[in-house]
């Protein structure tokens, strides 16, 4: 039973990613770059959610599909 709890707690720890502002920006040298696109309708304050085949805005619902390569 203890082994099962240990395995599940390890899986949960691996699933957790950085949350908040740290997952939206990338810092290289002294420059900051955005990792996700911003919404075209709402402006620069709203990031779009990253899905498998599209980006969507949670504020207004705008959807932009990713280009197939």
N, C-alpha and C. Protein backbone atom coordinates (compact mmCIF):
# COMPACT_ATOMS: atom_id res chain seq x y z
N UNK A 1 0.82 -1.18 0.00
CA UNK A 1 0.00 0.00 0.00
C UNK A 1 0.87 1.26 0.00
N UNK A 2 1.95 1.22 0.76
CA UNK A 2 2.83 2.39 0.83
C UNK A 2 3.53 2.63 -0.51
N UNK A 3 3.84 1.53 -1.22
CA UNK A 3 4.49 1.68 -2.52
C UNK A 3 3.55 2.34 -3.52
N UNK A 4 2.28 2.01 -3.46
CA UNK A 4 1.29 2.59 -4.37
C UNK A 4 1.17 4.10 -4.13
N UNK A 5 1.14 4.52 -2.87
CA UNK A 5 1.06 5.94 -2.55
C UNK A 5 2.30 6.69 -3.01
N UNK A 6 3.45 6.03 -2.91
CA UNK A 6 4.70 6.65 -3.32
C UNK A 6 4.71 6.87 -4.83
N UNK A 7 4.23 5.91 -5.58
CA UNK A 7 4.20 6.01 -7.04
C UNK A 7 3.24 7.10 -7.48
N UNK A 8 2.06 7.17 -6.88
CA UNK A 8 1.09 8.19 -7.27
C UNK A 8 1.58 9.58 -6.92
N UNK A 9 2.26 9.73 -5.78
CA UNK A 9 2.77 11.05 -5.42
C UNK A 9 3.88 11.49 -6.38
N UNK A 10 4.68 10.55 -6.87
CA UNK A 10 5.72 10.89 -7.85
C UNK A 10 5.11 11.33 -9.17
N UNK A 11 4.02 10.65 -9.59
CA UNK A 11 3.34 11.03 -10.83
C UNK A 11 2.74 12.43 -10.71
N UNK A 12 2.15 12.74 -9.57
CA UNK A 12 1.57 14.06 -9.36
C UNK A 12 2.65 15.13 -9.39
N UNK A 13 3.80 14.85 -8.83
CA UNK A 13 4.88 15.82 -8.82
C UNK A 13 5.40 16.05 -10.24
N UNK A 14 5.44 15.01 -11.05
CA UNK A 14 5.90 15.16 -12.43
C UNK A 14 4.88 15.91 -13.28
N UNK A 15 3.59 15.78 -12.96
CA UNK A 15 2.54 16.44 -13.73
C UNK A 15 2.54 17.95 -13.52
N UNK A 16 2.91 18.39 -12.33
CA UNK A 16 2.86 19.82 -12.02
C UNK A 16 3.90 20.56 -12.85
N UNK A 17 3.49 21.67 -13.41
CA UNK A 17 4.38 22.52 -14.19
C UNK A 17 4.40 23.88 -13.54
N UNK A 18 5.25 24.75 -14.06
CA UNK A 18 5.27 26.10 -13.55
C UNK A 18 3.95 26.78 -13.87
N UNK A 19 3.42 27.48 -12.91
CA UNK A 19 2.18 28.18 -13.10
C UNK A 19 2.41 29.67 -12.98
N UNK A 20 1.44 30.41 -13.42
CA UNK A 20 1.49 31.85 -13.27
C UNK A 20 2.30 32.51 -14.37
N UNK A 21 2.91 33.61 -14.02
CA UNK A 21 3.62 34.45 -14.98
C UNK A 21 4.85 33.74 -15.54
N UNK A 22 5.45 32.85 -14.78
CA UNK A 22 6.68 32.21 -15.22
C UNK A 22 6.48 31.31 -16.42
N UNK A 23 5.27 30.81 -16.64
CA UNK A 23 5.01 29.94 -17.78
C UNK A 23 4.65 30.73 -19.04
N UNK A 24 4.46 32.04 -18.93
CA UNK A 24 4.05 32.86 -20.07
C UNK A 24 5.20 33.61 -20.72
N UNK A 25 6.31 33.77 -20.01
CA UNK A 25 7.44 34.54 -20.52
C UNK A 25 8.72 33.72 -20.50
N UNK A 26 9.64 34.08 -21.38
CA UNK A 26 10.96 33.45 -21.42
C UNK A 26 12.00 34.55 -21.32
N UNK A 27 12.97 34.39 -20.42
CA UNK A 27 13.99 35.40 -20.21
C UNK A 27 15.31 34.89 -20.77
N UNK A 28 15.86 35.60 -21.73
CA UNK A 28 17.16 35.28 -22.30
C UNK A 28 18.03 36.52 -22.23
N UNK A 29 19.19 36.37 -21.64
CA UNK A 29 20.11 37.48 -21.42
C UNK A 29 19.36 38.59 -20.69
N UNK A 30 19.13 39.72 -21.31
CA UNK A 30 18.38 40.81 -20.68
C UNK A 30 17.09 41.11 -21.40
N UNK A 31 16.61 40.17 -22.23
CA UNK A 31 15.40 40.39 -23.00
C UNK A 31 14.30 39.43 -22.56
N UNK A 32 13.07 39.92 -22.58
CA UNK A 32 11.91 39.12 -22.22
C UNK A 32 11.09 38.88 -23.48
N UNK A 33 10.72 37.62 -23.73
CA UNK A 33 9.88 37.31 -24.88
C UNK A 33 8.66 36.53 -24.42
N UNK A 34 7.55 36.73 -25.10
CA UNK A 34 6.31 36.04 -24.77
C UNK A 34 6.29 34.68 -25.45
N UNK A 35 5.83 33.66 -24.73
CA UNK A 35 5.77 32.32 -25.29
C UNK A 35 4.46 32.05 -26.01
N UNK A 36 3.39 32.68 -25.58
CA UNK A 36 2.08 32.50 -26.22
C UNK A 36 1.67 33.79 -26.91
N UNK A 37 0.86 33.68 -27.96
CA UNK A 37 0.39 34.89 -28.63
C UNK A 37 -0.66 35.61 -27.79
N UNK A 38 -0.82 36.90 -28.06
CA UNK A 38 -1.86 37.67 -27.38
C UNK A 38 -3.08 37.75 -28.29
N UNK A 39 -4.22 38.06 -27.71
CA UNK A 39 -5.47 38.13 -28.46
C UNK A 39 -5.48 39.37 -29.36
N UNK A 40 -5.92 39.19 -30.59
CA UNK A 40 -5.98 40.29 -31.54
C UNK A 40 -7.12 41.25 -31.23
N UNK A 41 -8.19 40.74 -30.66
CA UNK A 41 -9.34 41.58 -30.34
C UNK A 41 -9.17 42.31 -29.01
N UNK A 42 -8.73 41.59 -27.99
CA UNK A 42 -8.69 42.15 -26.63
C UNK A 42 -7.46 43.02 -26.38
N UNK A 43 -6.36 42.75 -27.04
CA UNK A 43 -5.17 43.56 -26.86
C UNK A 43 -4.04 42.80 -26.21
N UNK A 44 -3.01 43.52 -25.82
CA UNK A 44 -1.78 42.89 -25.35
C UNK A 44 -1.88 42.32 -23.94
N UNK A 45 -2.93 42.60 -23.21
CA UNK A 45 -3.05 42.11 -21.84
C UNK A 45 -3.62 40.72 -21.71
N UNK A 46 -4.08 40.13 -22.82
CA UNK A 46 -4.75 38.84 -22.76
C UNK A 46 -4.00 37.81 -23.60
N UNK A 47 -3.48 36.77 -22.93
CA UNK A 47 -2.81 35.68 -23.62
C UNK A 47 -3.84 34.68 -24.10
N UNK A 48 -3.48 33.98 -25.16
CA UNK A 48 -4.37 32.95 -25.71
C UNK A 48 -3.96 31.59 -25.17
N UNK A 49 -4.95 30.72 -24.94
CA UNK A 49 -4.70 29.38 -24.44
C UNK A 49 -4.13 28.52 -25.56
N UNK A 50 -3.18 27.68 -25.22
CA UNK A 50 -2.51 26.83 -26.18
C UNK A 50 -3.17 25.45 -26.19
N UNK A 51 -3.82 25.10 -27.30
CA UNK A 51 -4.42 23.79 -27.49
C UNK A 51 -3.62 23.03 -28.54
N UNK A 52 -4.02 21.81 -28.80
CA UNK A 52 -3.28 20.96 -29.74
C UNK A 52 -3.25 21.54 -31.15
N UNK A 53 -4.40 22.04 -31.62
CA UNK A 53 -4.49 22.51 -33.00
C UNK A 53 -4.90 23.97 -33.13
N UNK A 54 -5.00 24.69 -32.01
CA UNK A 54 -5.49 26.07 -32.08
C UNK A 54 -5.07 26.86 -30.85
N UNK A 55 -5.20 28.18 -30.94
CA UNK A 55 -5.06 29.10 -29.82
C UNK A 55 -6.43 29.73 -29.59
N UNK A 56 -6.88 29.84 -28.34
CA UNK A 56 -8.16 30.47 -28.06
C UNK A 56 -8.02 31.48 -26.94
N UNK A 57 -8.82 32.54 -27.03
CA UNK A 57 -8.86 33.57 -26.00
C UNK A 57 -9.97 33.22 -25.02
N UNK A 58 -9.66 33.20 -23.75
CA UNK A 58 -10.66 32.89 -22.74
C UNK A 58 -11.56 34.06 -22.43
N UNK A 59 -11.14 35.26 -22.82
CA UNK A 59 -11.92 36.46 -22.53
C UNK A 59 -13.03 36.66 -23.54
N UNK A 60 -12.71 36.63 -24.83
CA UNK A 60 -13.72 36.93 -25.86
C UNK A 60 -14.09 35.71 -26.71
N UNK A 61 -13.31 34.63 -26.64
CA UNK A 61 -13.62 33.42 -27.40
C UNK A 61 -13.02 33.37 -28.79
N UNK A 62 -12.17 34.32 -29.13
CA UNK A 62 -11.52 34.34 -30.43
C UNK A 62 -10.64 33.11 -30.59
N UNK A 63 -10.70 32.46 -31.76
CA UNK A 63 -9.92 31.25 -32.03
C UNK A 63 -9.05 31.46 -33.25
N UNK A 64 -7.77 31.10 -33.12
CA UNK A 64 -6.85 31.14 -34.24
C UNK A 64 -6.24 29.75 -34.37
N UNK A 65 -6.41 29.15 -35.54
CA UNK A 65 -5.92 27.79 -35.76
C UNK A 65 -4.44 27.80 -36.12
N UNK A 66 -3.72 26.78 -35.65
CA UNK A 66 -2.31 26.65 -35.95
C UNK A 66 -2.15 26.14 -37.37
N UNK A 67 -1.06 26.56 -38.01
CA UNK A 67 -0.80 26.13 -39.38
C UNK A 67 -0.20 24.73 -39.36
N UNK A 68 -0.68 23.89 -40.25
CA UNK A 68 -0.17 22.52 -40.35
C UNK A 68 1.12 22.55 -41.18
N UNK A 69 2.15 21.92 -40.62
CA UNK A 69 3.45 21.92 -41.30
C UNK A 69 3.69 20.62 -41.99
